[in-house]
């Protein structure tokens, strides 16, 4: 409908208040100014590669999210449990551009986990998929619902190694360059799998 013509022919139509115009313009700027976010993915149950790819595709299908890069795949020993007590993990990192706020991106990550039957019964327990927000732009937050950057990312080679692959200049706020952090902790128990490859969503 041409609102300009309607306004001329219908005296009951009032001009849009300037405050509303400003709010719409501000929202439009937000929508056209996506933020970078780093998403870590990992799982050790079921068809691990199929699930990782499914999670990446689900991220790509999310309105307001564009997957821009996907790391090589790494096979890693389970974190925080007795060696040999669980299957090994496949891990990867995706870089996304998003207009979603961190809270909405977190909700989407949880929805993807639920779609792939993620069960939260025990800490460090086996799971089909983890979808973790590692960093969101330069946001620093100690909100217990979503601490940013991820509070343990700087200690985890299975996050740092694939992240460094897709963004060699990456830094973690408060901890420094990912390259330096990775050099400091090494790659023990974290093996790159060149025979496995994830693809960007179509």
Protein backbone atom coordinates (compact mmCIF):
# COMPACT_ATOMS: atom_id res chain seq x y z
CA UNK A 1 0.00 0.00 0.00
CA UNK A 2 1.20 3.49 -0.79
CA UNK A 3 0.88 5.15 2.58
CA UNK A 4 1.65 8.54 1.11
CA UNK A 5 -1.43 8.41 -1.12
CA UNK A 6 -3.56 7.09 1.73
CA UNK A 7 -2.42 9.92 3.98
CA UNK A 8 -3.53 12.46 1.38
CA UNK A 9 -6.97 10.89 0.94
CA UNK A 10 -7.66 9.91 4.56
CA UNK A 11 -7.57 12.80 7.06
CA UNK A 12 -7.59 10.35 10.02
CA UNK A 13 -4.06 9.12 9.22
CA UNK A 14 -1.57 10.94 11.43
CA UNK A 15 2.11 11.52 10.65
CA UNK A 16 4.48 9.02 12.25
CA UNK A 17 6.00 10.61 15.38
CA UNK A 18 9.66 11.53 15.07
CA UNK A 19 10.51 9.33 18.07
CA UNK A 20 9.13 6.28 16.28
CA UNK A 21 11.06 7.11 13.13
CA UNK A 22 14.25 7.39 15.20
CA UNK A 23 13.61 4.04 16.90
CA UNK A 24 13.03 2.31 13.55
CA UNK A 25 16.16 3.89 12.11
CA UNK A 26 18.16 2.74 15.15
CA UNK A 27 16.85 -0.81 14.76
CA UNK A 28 17.74 -0.75 11.08
CA UNK A 29 21.30 0.27 11.92
CA UNK A 30 21.50 -2.66 14.35
CA UNK A 31 20.26 -5.08 11.72
CA UNK A 32 22.80 -3.84 9.22
CA UNK A 33 25.63 -4.05 11.74
CA UNK A 34 26.13 -7.74 12.56
CA UNK A 35 28.62 -8.85 15.21
CA UNK A 36 31.23 -11.58 15.06
CA UNK A 37 30.71 -14.53 17.37
CA UNK A 38 32.78 -17.65 17.95
CA UNK A 39 30.87 -20.91 18.43
CA UNK A 40 32.54 -24.10 19.67
CA UNK A 41 30.96 -27.42 18.73
CA UNK A 42 31.72 -30.87 20.07
CA UNK A 43 30.20 -34.28 20.67
CA UNK A 44 31.15 -37.85 21.50
CA UNK A 45 27.94 -39.88 21.06
CA UNK A 46 26.25 -41.18 17.94
CA UNK A 47 27.37 -40.20 14.45
CA UNK A 48 29.65 -37.39 15.56
CA UNK A 49 30.39 -35.91 12.12
CA UNK A 50 26.76 -36.02 11.04
CA UNK A 51 25.75 -34.24 14.22
CA UNK A 52 28.47 -31.60 13.93
CA UNK A 53 27.45 -30.86 10.35
CA UNK A 54 23.79 -30.81 11.35
CA UNK A 55 24.50 -28.27 14.08
CA UNK A 56 26.42 -26.05 11.67
CA UNK A 57 23.60 -26.28 9.13
CA UNK A 58 21.09 -25.41 11.87
CA UNK A 59 23.13 -22.34 12.78
CA UNK A 60 23.13 -21.37 9.12
CA UNK A 61 19.34 -21.75 8.98
CA UNK A 62 18.90 -19.34 11.90
CA UNK A 63 17.48 -15.94 10.92
CA UNK A 64 20.06 -13.29 11.76
CA UNK A 65 23.01 -15.71 11.67
CA UNK A 66 25.48 -16.27 8.85
CA UNK A 67 28.18 -18.93 9.23
CA UNK A 68 31.31 -17.41 7.70
CA UNK A 69 33.98 -20.01 8.50
CA UNK A 70 34.23 -23.56 9.83
CA UNK A 71 37.45 -24.96 11.27
CA UNK A 72 39.15 -28.28 10.65
CA UNK A 73 37.94 -31.13 12.84
CA UNK A 74 39.89 -32.27 15.89
CA UNK A 75 39.57 -35.51 17.84
CA UNK A 76 40.09 -35.00 21.55
CA UNK A 77 40.13 -36.93 24.77
CA UNK A 78 37.17 -36.19 27.06
CA UNK A 79 37.71 -33.28 29.45
CA UNK A 80 37.51 -33.68 33.22
CA UNK A 81 36.88 -37.44 33.36
CA UNK A 82 38.86 -40.65 33.82
CA UNK A 83 40.81 -41.51 30.63
CA UNK A 84 39.04 -44.21 28.64
CA UNK A 85 35.73 -43.76 30.48
CA UNK A 86 34.04 -42.06 27.51
CA UNK A 87 34.36 -42.08 23.71
CA UNK A 88 36.60 -39.40 22.22
CA UNK A 89 35.13 -36.12 21.01
CA UNK A 90 35.09 -34.48 17.65
CA UNK A 91 35.46 -30.72 18.02
CA UNK A 92 35.29 -27.73 15.70
CA UNK A 93 34.79 -23.97 15.79
CA UNK A 94 32.50 -21.85 13.63
CA UNK A 95 32.81 -18.11 13.10
CA UNK A 96 29.45 -16.43 12.57
CA UNK A 97 28.15 -12.95 11.84
CA UNK A 98 24.94 -12.30 13.69
CA UNK A 99 22.39 -9.61 14.42
CA UNK A 100 21.05 -11.64 17.35
CA UNK A 101 21.95 -10.47 20.84
CA UNK A 102 24.03 -12.93 22.90
CA UNK A 103 20.99 -14.14 24.86
CA UNK A 104 19.09 -15.07 21.69
CA UNK A 105 22.14 -16.75 20.21
CA UNK A 106 22.44 -18.79 23.42
CA UNK A 107 18.78 -19.80 23.18
CA UNK A 108 19.36 -20.94 19.61
CA UNK A 109 22.39 -22.97 20.70
CA UNK A 110 20.33 -24.71 23.37
CA UNK A 111 17.55 -25.41 20.85
CA UNK A 112 20.08 -27.04 18.51
CA UNK A 113 21.42 -29.17 21.36
CA UNK A 114 17.89 -30.30 22.20
CA UNK A 115 17.17 -31.08 18.55
CA UNK A 116 20.11 -33.48 18.59
CA UNK A 117 19.00 -35.08 21.87
CA UNK A 118 21.59 -33.49 24.11
CA UNK A 119 21.04 -34.82 27.64
CA UNK A 120 22.36 -32.89 30.66
CA UNK A 121 22.59 -35.52 33.40
CA UNK A 122 26.11 -35.04 34.72
CA UNK A 123 28.87 -32.46 34.49
CA UNK A 124 31.48 -33.50 31.90
CA UNK A 125 29.11 -36.30 30.87
CA UNK A 126 29.02 -37.66 27.31
CA UNK A 127 26.80 -35.78 24.90
CA UNK A 128 25.66 -35.79 21.30
CA UNK A 129 26.51 -32.12 20.83
CA UNK A 130 27.70 -29.06 22.70
CA UNK A 131 27.05 -25.64 21.17
CA UNK A 132 28.99 -23.07 23.20
CA UNK A 133 29.37 -19.34 22.61
CA UNK A 134 33.07 -18.69 23.17
CA UNK A 135 33.12 -15.00 22.33
CA UNK A 136 30.69 -12.36 21.07
CA UNK A 137 32.29 -9.25 19.57
CA UNK A 138 34.24 -7.59 22.39
CA UNK A 139 31.54 -8.24 24.98
CA UNK A 140 32.77 -9.02 28.49
CA UNK A 141 30.06 -10.26 30.86
CA UNK A 142 30.02 -12.18 34.13
CA UNK A 143 26.34 -13.07 33.79
CA UNK A 144 26.12 -16.66 35.10
CA UNK A 145 23.64 -17.52 32.33
CA UNK A 146 26.23 -16.60 29.69
CA UNK A 147 29.72 -15.59 30.77
CA UNK A 148 31.67 -13.90 27.97
CA UNK A 149 34.23 -14.72 26.88
CA UNK A 150 33.69 -18.38 27.83
CA UNK A 151 35.36 -18.74 31.25
CA UNK A 152 37.38 -21.86 30.37
CA UNK A 153 38.11 -21.35 26.67
CA UNK A 154 41.64 -20.10 27.38
CA UNK A 155 42.46 -23.44 29.04
CA UNK A 156 41.12 -25.74 26.32
CA UNK A 157 43.25 -26.73 23.37
CA UNK A 158 40.22 -28.32 21.69
CA UNK A 159 38.74 -24.80 21.47
CA UNK A 160 41.94 -22.82 20.89
CA UNK A 161 43.38 -25.03 18.12
CA UNK A 162 40.39 -24.92 15.74
CA UNK A 163 39.75 -21.26 16.60
CA UNK A 164 43.34 -20.39 15.71
CA UNK A 165 42.94 -22.26 12.40
CA UNK A 166 40.08 -20.01 11.28
CA UNK A 167 41.30 -16.78 12.92
CA UNK A 168 45.07 -16.74 13.58
CA UNK A 169 44.87 -13.18 14.97
CA UNK A 170 42.11 -13.97 17.48
CA UNK A 171 42.37 -12.76 21.06
CA UNK A 172 40.45 -13.61 24.21
CA UNK A 173 39.59 -10.55 26.26
CA UNK A 174 41.51 -10.66 29.51
CA UNK A 175 43.79 -13.50 28.41
CA UNK A 176 45.55 -12.39 25.22
CA UNK A 177 46.20 -13.88 21.79
CA UNK A 178 44.80 -17.34 21.10
CA UNK A 179 48.11 -18.28 19.46
CA UNK A 180 50.02 -17.55 22.67
CA UNK A 181 47.50 -19.37 24.84
CA UNK A 182 47.65 -22.41 22.58
CA UNK A 183 51.45 -22.40 22.59
CA UNK A 184 51.37 -22.29 26.37
CA UNK A 185 49.15 -25.32 26.90
CA UNK A 186 50.11 -27.44 23.88
CA UNK A 187 48.12 -30.00 21.93
CA UNK A 188 48.30 -33.04 24.19
CA UNK A 189 45.23 -35.19 23.60
CA UNK A 190 44.05 -33.05 20.69
CA UNK A 191 44.59 -34.49 17.20
CA UNK A 192 43.67 -32.82 13.93
CA UNK A 193 41.66 -35.08 11.61
CA UNK A 194 42.46 -34.09 8.02
CA UNK A 195 40.33 -37.00 6.79
CA UNK A 196 37.22 -35.31 8.18
CA UNK A 197 35.84 -32.09 6.75
CA UNK A 198 32.89 -29.92 7.65
CA UNK A 199 31.29 -27.69 5.03
CA UNK A 200 29.73 -24.26 5.21
CA UNK A 201 25.92 -24.25 5.07
CA UNK A 202 24.60 -23.93 1.54
